[in-house]
């Protein structure tokens, strides 16, 4: 029982962002399980399975930096496609 000399202890409210982050951490194992299930299930389209594989790899190893010259090749390819379409 409280006496007049004892201060009341207030409950601290949790920061809403911290609450959301806690909920997301709790859901993380299920989300990883879902990614793995889709990755291993051949009934899903290959593009979907590749997206799952990329997400898993990015989370484990981080996103990789483009290889030397990769951007230039991509730009060249896009320009070549555009030129082909224009020529037809």
Protein backbone atom coordinates (compact mmCIF):
# COMPACT_ATOMS: atom_id res chain seq x y z
CA UNK A 1 0.00 0.00 0.00
CA UNK A 2 1.23 3.48 -0.80
CA UNK A 3 1.90 6.02 1.87
CA UNK A 4 1.94 9.77 1.47
CA UNK A 5 5.74 9.82 1.51
CA UNK A 6 6.17 7.28 -1.30
CA UNK A 7 6.02 8.68 -4.83
CA UNK A 8 3.69 7.03 -7.28
CA UNK A 9 5.44 5.13 -10.00
CA UNK A 10 4.18 5.91 -13.45
CA UNK A 11 4.13 3.32 -16.12
CA UNK A 12 6.15 4.39 -19.07
CA UNK A 13 4.41 4.12 -22.36
CA UNK A 14 6.38 2.30 -24.98
CA UNK A 15 7.34 4.28 -28.02
CA UNK A 16 4.90 3.32 -30.84
CA UNK A 17 7.81 2.69 -33.19
CA UNK A 18 9.37 0.33 -30.66
CA UNK A 19 6.07 -1.54 -30.35
CA UNK A 20 5.86 -1.99 -34.11
CA UNK A 21 9.50 -3.06 -34.28
CA UNK A 22 8.89 -5.67 -31.57
CA UNK A 23 5.89 -7.04 -33.49
CA UNK A 24 7.90 -7.24 -36.70
CA UNK A 25 10.74 -9.06 -34.93
CA UNK A 26 8.24 -11.60 -33.63
CA UNK A 27 6.91 -12.14 -37.16
CA UNK A 28 10.39 -12.45 -38.72
CA UNK A 29 10.72 -16.25 -38.34
CA UNK A 30 7.37 -16.77 -40.08
CA UNK A 31 8.38 -14.39 -42.88
CA UNK A 32 11.66 -16.23 -43.42
CA UNK A 33 9.79 -19.53 -43.44
CA UNK A 34 7.42 -18.16 -46.08
CA UNK A 35 10.32 -17.05 -48.28
CA UNK A 36 11.93 -20.48 -48.00
CA UNK A 37 8.66 -22.30 -48.74
CA UNK A 38 8.06 -20.26 -51.90
CA UNK A 39 11.70 -20.63 -52.96
CA UNK A 40 11.52 -24.42 -52.71
CA UNK A 41 8.04 -24.87 -54.21
CA UNK A 42 8.27 -25.52 -57.97
CA UNK A 43 4.57 -24.67 -58.43
CA UNK A 44 5.41 -20.95 -58.02
CA UNK A 45 6.60 -19.03 -61.08
CA UNK A 46 10.37 -18.93 -61.45
CA UNK A 47 10.37 -15.13 -61.18
CA UNK A 48 8.68 -15.29 -57.78
CA UNK A 49 11.11 -17.93 -56.60
CA UNK A 50 14.05 -15.85 -57.84
CA UNK A 51 12.73 -12.81 -55.94
CA UNK A 52 12.65 -14.91 -52.77
CA UNK A 53 16.19 -16.14 -53.40
CA UNK A 54 17.43 -12.57 -53.96
CA UNK A 55 15.72 -11.35 -50.80
CA UNK A 56 17.24 -14.12 -48.72
CA UNK A 57 20.72 -13.53 -50.15
CA UNK A 58 20.45 -9.76 -49.71
CA UNK A 59 19.41 -10.15 -46.07
CA UNK A 60 22.21 -12.58 -45.30
CA UNK A 61 25.06 -11.08 -47.33
CA UNK A 62 23.84 -7.57 -48.13
CA UNK A 63 23.24 -6.16 -51.57
CA UNK A 64 26.24 -6.52 -53.80
CA UNK A 65 27.84 -3.60 -55.55
CA UNK A 66 27.63 -3.65 -59.33
CA UNK A 67 30.55 -5.39 -60.99
CA UNK A 68 32.98 -3.23 -62.93
CA UNK A 69 31.46 -2.38 -66.28
CA UNK A 70 28.06 -3.86 -65.41
CA UNK A 71 26.27 -0.50 -65.62
CA UNK A 72 27.84 0.33 -68.95
CA UNK A 73 26.76 -3.01 -70.42
CA UNK A 74 23.22 -2.50 -69.14
CA UNK A 75 23.05 0.97 -70.68
CA UNK A 76 24.44 -0.32 -73.97
CA UNK A 77 21.88 -3.13 -74.05
CA UNK A 78 18.98 -0.72 -73.46
CA UNK A 79 20.23 1.59 -76.19
CA UNK A 80 20.70 -1.30 -78.62
CA UNK A 81 17.13 -2.47 -77.96
CA UNK A 82 15.81 1.04 -78.48
CA UNK A 83 17.71 1.36 -81.75
CA UNK A 84 16.34 -1.99 -82.99
CA UNK A 85 12.80 -0.93 -82.14
CA UNK A 86 13.32 2.43 -83.87
CA UNK A 87 14.76 0.83 -87.00
CA UNK A 88 11.78 -1.49 -87.46
